[in-house]
Amino acid sequence: MNIHKHMEAIFVGALAIAGAGTIAIDSLPRAEARPAAQAMPVARNIATPGSMAVVIVRGHKPAPHP
């Protein structure tokens, strides 16, 4: 198959696919950003000039060695 003979058909096909894709994407509704609803209240430990933020990290305790 000689690609040079079919280059015009390939180009027209690519334009048709791109045009159809553009129309399909433009028909989708626009996305609207809004804050997500929080499932649980979050404790906000923010440092202020009068207090320091404290982070508590808890992990599992390893098994005692015999």
N, C-alpha and C. Protein backbone atom coordinates (compact mmCIF):
# COMPACT_ATOMS: atom_id res chain seq x y z
N MET A 1 0.85 -1.17 0.00
CA MET A 1 0.00 0.00 0.00
C MET A 1 0.89 1.23 0.00
N ASN A 2 0.66 2.09 -0.92
CA ASN A 2 1.45 3.31 -1.04
C ASN A 2 0.75 4.43 -0.28
N ILE A 3 1.38 4.88 0.80
CA ILE A 3 0.76 5.89 1.66
C ILE A 3 0.67 7.24 0.94
N HIS A 4 1.61 7.52 0.06
CA HIS A 4 1.58 8.81 -0.65
C HIS A 4 0.31 8.95 -1.49
N LYS A 5 -0.20 7.86 -2.03
CA LYS A 5 -1.42 7.92 -2.83
C LYS A 5 -2.64 8.20 -1.96
N HIS A 6 -2.61 7.77 -0.73
CA HIS A 6 -3.77 7.88 0.15
C HIS A 6 -3.63 8.99 1.20
N MET A 7 -2.63 9.86 1.04
CA MET A 7 -2.38 10.88 2.05
C MET A 7 -3.53 11.87 2.14
N GLU A 8 -4.16 12.22 1.03
CA GLU A 8 -5.28 13.16 1.07
C GLU A 8 -6.46 12.54 1.83
N ALA A 9 -6.73 11.28 1.61
CA ALA A 9 -7.82 10.61 2.31
C ALA A 9 -7.52 10.52 3.81
N ILE A 10 -6.28 10.27 4.16
CA ILE A 10 -5.89 10.21 5.57
C ILE A 10 -6.07 11.59 6.22
N PHE A 11 -5.68 12.64 5.50
CA PHE A 11 -5.80 14.00 6.03
C PHE A 11 -7.27 14.37 6.22
N VAL A 12 -8.10 14.09 5.25
CA VAL A 12 -9.52 14.42 5.35
C VAL A 12 -10.17 13.60 6.47
N GLY A 13 -9.78 12.34 6.60
CA GLY A 13 -10.32 11.51 7.68
C GLY A 13 -9.92 12.04 9.05
N ALA A 14 -8.66 12.48 9.18
CA ALA A 14 -8.20 13.04 10.45
C ALA A 14 -8.96 14.33 10.78
N LEU A 15 -9.22 15.17 9.78
CA LEU A 15 -9.99 16.39 10.01
C LEU A 15 -11.43 16.06 10.43
N ALA A 16 -12.00 15.03 9.82
CA ALA A 16 -13.37 14.65 10.17
C ALA A 16 -13.43 14.14 11.61
N ILE A 17 -12.46 13.35 12.00
CA ILE A 17 -12.43 12.83 13.38
C ILE A 17 -12.23 13.97 14.37
N ALA A 18 -11.32 14.90 14.06
CA ALA A 18 -11.08 16.04 14.95
C ALA A 18 -12.32 16.93 15.05
N GLY A 19 -13.00 17.14 13.94
CA GLY A 19 -14.22 17.96 13.95
C GLY A 19 -15.33 17.31 14.76
N ALA A 20 -15.51 16.00 14.59
CA ALA A 20 -16.54 15.30 15.35
C ALA A 20 -16.21 15.31 16.84
N GLY A 21 -14.93 15.15 17.17
CA GLY A 21 -14.52 15.20 18.58
C GLY A 21 -14.75 16.56 19.19
N THR A 22 -14.49 17.60 18.44
CA THR A 22 -14.70 18.96 18.94
C THR A 22 -16.19 19.22 19.20
N ILE A 23 -17.03 18.78 18.29
CA ILE A 23 -18.47 18.97 18.48
C ILE A 23 -18.95 18.17 19.69
N ALA A 24 -18.43 16.96 19.85
CA ALA A 24 -18.84 16.13 20.99
C ALA A 24 -18.41 16.76 22.31
N ILE A 25 -17.19 17.29 22.35
CA ILE A 25 -16.68 17.90 23.59
C ILE A 25 -17.43 19.20 23.89
N ASP A 26 -17.73 19.98 22.86
CA ASP A 26 -18.45 21.24 23.08
C ASP A 26 -19.88 21.02 23.54
N SER A 27 -20.46 19.86 23.26
CA SER A 27 -21.83 19.61 23.68
C SER A 27 -21.93 19.19 25.14
N LEU A 28 -20.80 18.89 25.78
CA LEU A 28 -20.82 18.52 27.20
C LEU A 28 -21.08 19.75 28.06
N PRO A 29 -21.75 19.59 29.21
CA PRO A 29 -21.97 20.75 30.08
C PRO A 29 -20.66 21.22 30.71
N ARG A 30 -20.61 22.50 31.02
CA ARG A 30 -19.40 23.05 31.62
C ARG A 30 -19.27 22.57 33.06
N ALA A 31 -18.04 22.37 33.49
CA ALA A 31 -17.77 21.95 34.86
C ALA A 31 -17.82 23.17 35.77
N GLU A 32 -18.39 22.99 36.95
CA GLU A 32 -18.46 24.07 37.93
C GLU A 32 -17.77 23.62 39.20
N ALA A 33 -16.79 24.38 39.61
CA ALA A 33 -16.05 24.04 40.83
C ALA A 33 -16.82 24.54 42.04
N ARG A 34 -16.95 23.70 43.04
CA ARG A 34 -17.57 24.09 44.30
C ARG A 34 -16.90 23.29 45.41
N PRO A 35 -16.88 23.82 46.60
CA PRO A 35 -16.21 23.11 47.69
C PRO A 35 -16.91 21.79 48.00
N ALA A 36 -16.13 20.80 48.32
CA ALA A 36 -16.68 19.49 48.65
C ALA A 36 -17.29 19.54 50.05
N ALA A 37 -18.35 18.79 50.22
CA ALA A 37 -18.99 18.70 51.53
C ALA A 37 -18.13 17.83 52.44
N GLN A 38 -17.89 18.31 53.65
CA GLN A 38 -17.07 17.55 54.58
C GLN A 38 -17.96 16.58 55.35
N ALA A 39 -17.50 15.34 55.44
CA ALA A 39 -18.27 14.31 56.14
C ALA A 39 -18.18 14.52 57.66
N MET A 40 -17.02 14.93 58.13
CA MET A 40 -16.82 15.13 59.57
C MET A 40 -16.20 16.50 59.78
N PRO A 41 -16.50 17.13 60.90
CA PRO A 41 -15.82 18.39 61.19
C PRO A 41 -14.32 18.14 61.41
N VAL A 42 -13.53 19.03 60.93
CA VAL A 42 -12.08 18.88 61.02
C VAL A 42 -11.54 19.86 62.04
N ALA A 43 -10.74 19.36 62.96
CA ALA A 43 -10.10 20.24 63.94
C ALA A 43 -8.97 20.97 63.23
N ARG A 44 -9.04 22.26 63.24
CA ARG A 44 -8.02 23.05 62.55
C ARG A 44 -7.03 23.59 63.59
N ASN A 45 -5.89 22.95 63.64
CA ASN A 45 -4.84 23.37 64.56
C ASN A 45 -3.92 24.32 63.82
N ILE A 46 -4.29 25.58 63.85
CA ILE A 46 -3.52 26.59 63.13
C ILE A 46 -2.77 27.43 64.16
N ALA A 47 -1.50 27.61 63.88
CA ALA A 47 -0.70 28.42 64.79
C ALA A 47 -1.09 29.88 64.67
N THR A 48 -1.22 30.52 65.82
CA THR A 48 -1.50 31.95 65.89
C THR A 48 -0.38 32.59 66.68
N PRO A 49 -0.29 33.90 66.69
CA PRO A 49 0.79 34.52 67.45
C PRO A 49 0.79 34.16 68.93
N GLY A 50 -0.38 33.84 69.50
CA GLY A 50 -0.44 33.51 70.92
C GLY A 50 -0.34 32.03 71.23
N SER A 51 -0.45 31.17 70.24
CA SER A 51 -0.38 29.73 70.50
C SER A 51 0.35 29.01 69.37
N MET A 52 0.87 27.86 69.70
CA MET A 52 1.62 27.08 68.73
C MET A 52 0.77 25.88 68.29
N ALA A 53 0.83 25.55 67.01
CA ALA A 53 0.09 24.39 66.51
C ALA A 53 0.78 23.12 66.98
N VAL A 54 -0.01 22.16 67.42
CA VAL A 54 0.52 20.91 67.94
C VAL A 54 0.00 19.77 67.07
N VAL A 55 0.91 18.89 66.67
CA VAL A 55 0.53 17.72 65.88
C VAL A 55 0.83 16.49 66.72
N ILE A 56 -0.18 15.63 66.89
CA ILE A 56 -0.02 14.40 67.65
C ILE A 56 -0.08 13.23 66.69
N VAL A 57 0.99 12.42 66.69
CA VAL A 57 1.05 11.26 65.81
C VAL A 57 1.06 10.02 66.69
N ARG A 58 0.11 9.12 66.45
CA ARG A 58 0.05 7.89 67.23
C ARG A 58 0.24 6.71 66.30
N GLY A 59 1.05 5.77 66.73
CA GLY A 59 1.27 4.56 65.95
C GLY A 59 1.04 3.34 66.81
N HIS A 60 1.05 2.19 66.18
CA HIS A 60 0.84 0.97 66.95
C HIS A 60 2.10 0.65 67.75
N LYS A 61 1.91 0.01 68.90
CA LYS A 61 3.04 -0.35 69.73
C LYS A 61 3.56 -1.72 69.29
N PRO A 62 4.86 -1.86 69.15
CA PRO A 62 5.40 -3.17 68.76
C PRO A 62 5.23 -4.18 69.90
N ALA A 63 5.19 -5.44 69.54
CA ALA A 63 5.06 -6.50 70.53
C ALA A 63 6.31 -6.53 71.42
N PRO A 64 6.13 -6.79 72.72
CA PRO A 64 7.31 -6.82 73.61
C PRO A 64 8.20 -8.02 73.26
N HIS A 65 9.50 -7.79 73.40
CA HIS A 65 10.47 -8.87 73.14
C HIS A 65 10.63 -9.73 74.36
N PRO A 66 10.60 -11.04 74.22
CA PRO A 66 10.74 -11.92 75.41
C PRO A 66 12.15 -11.96 75.94
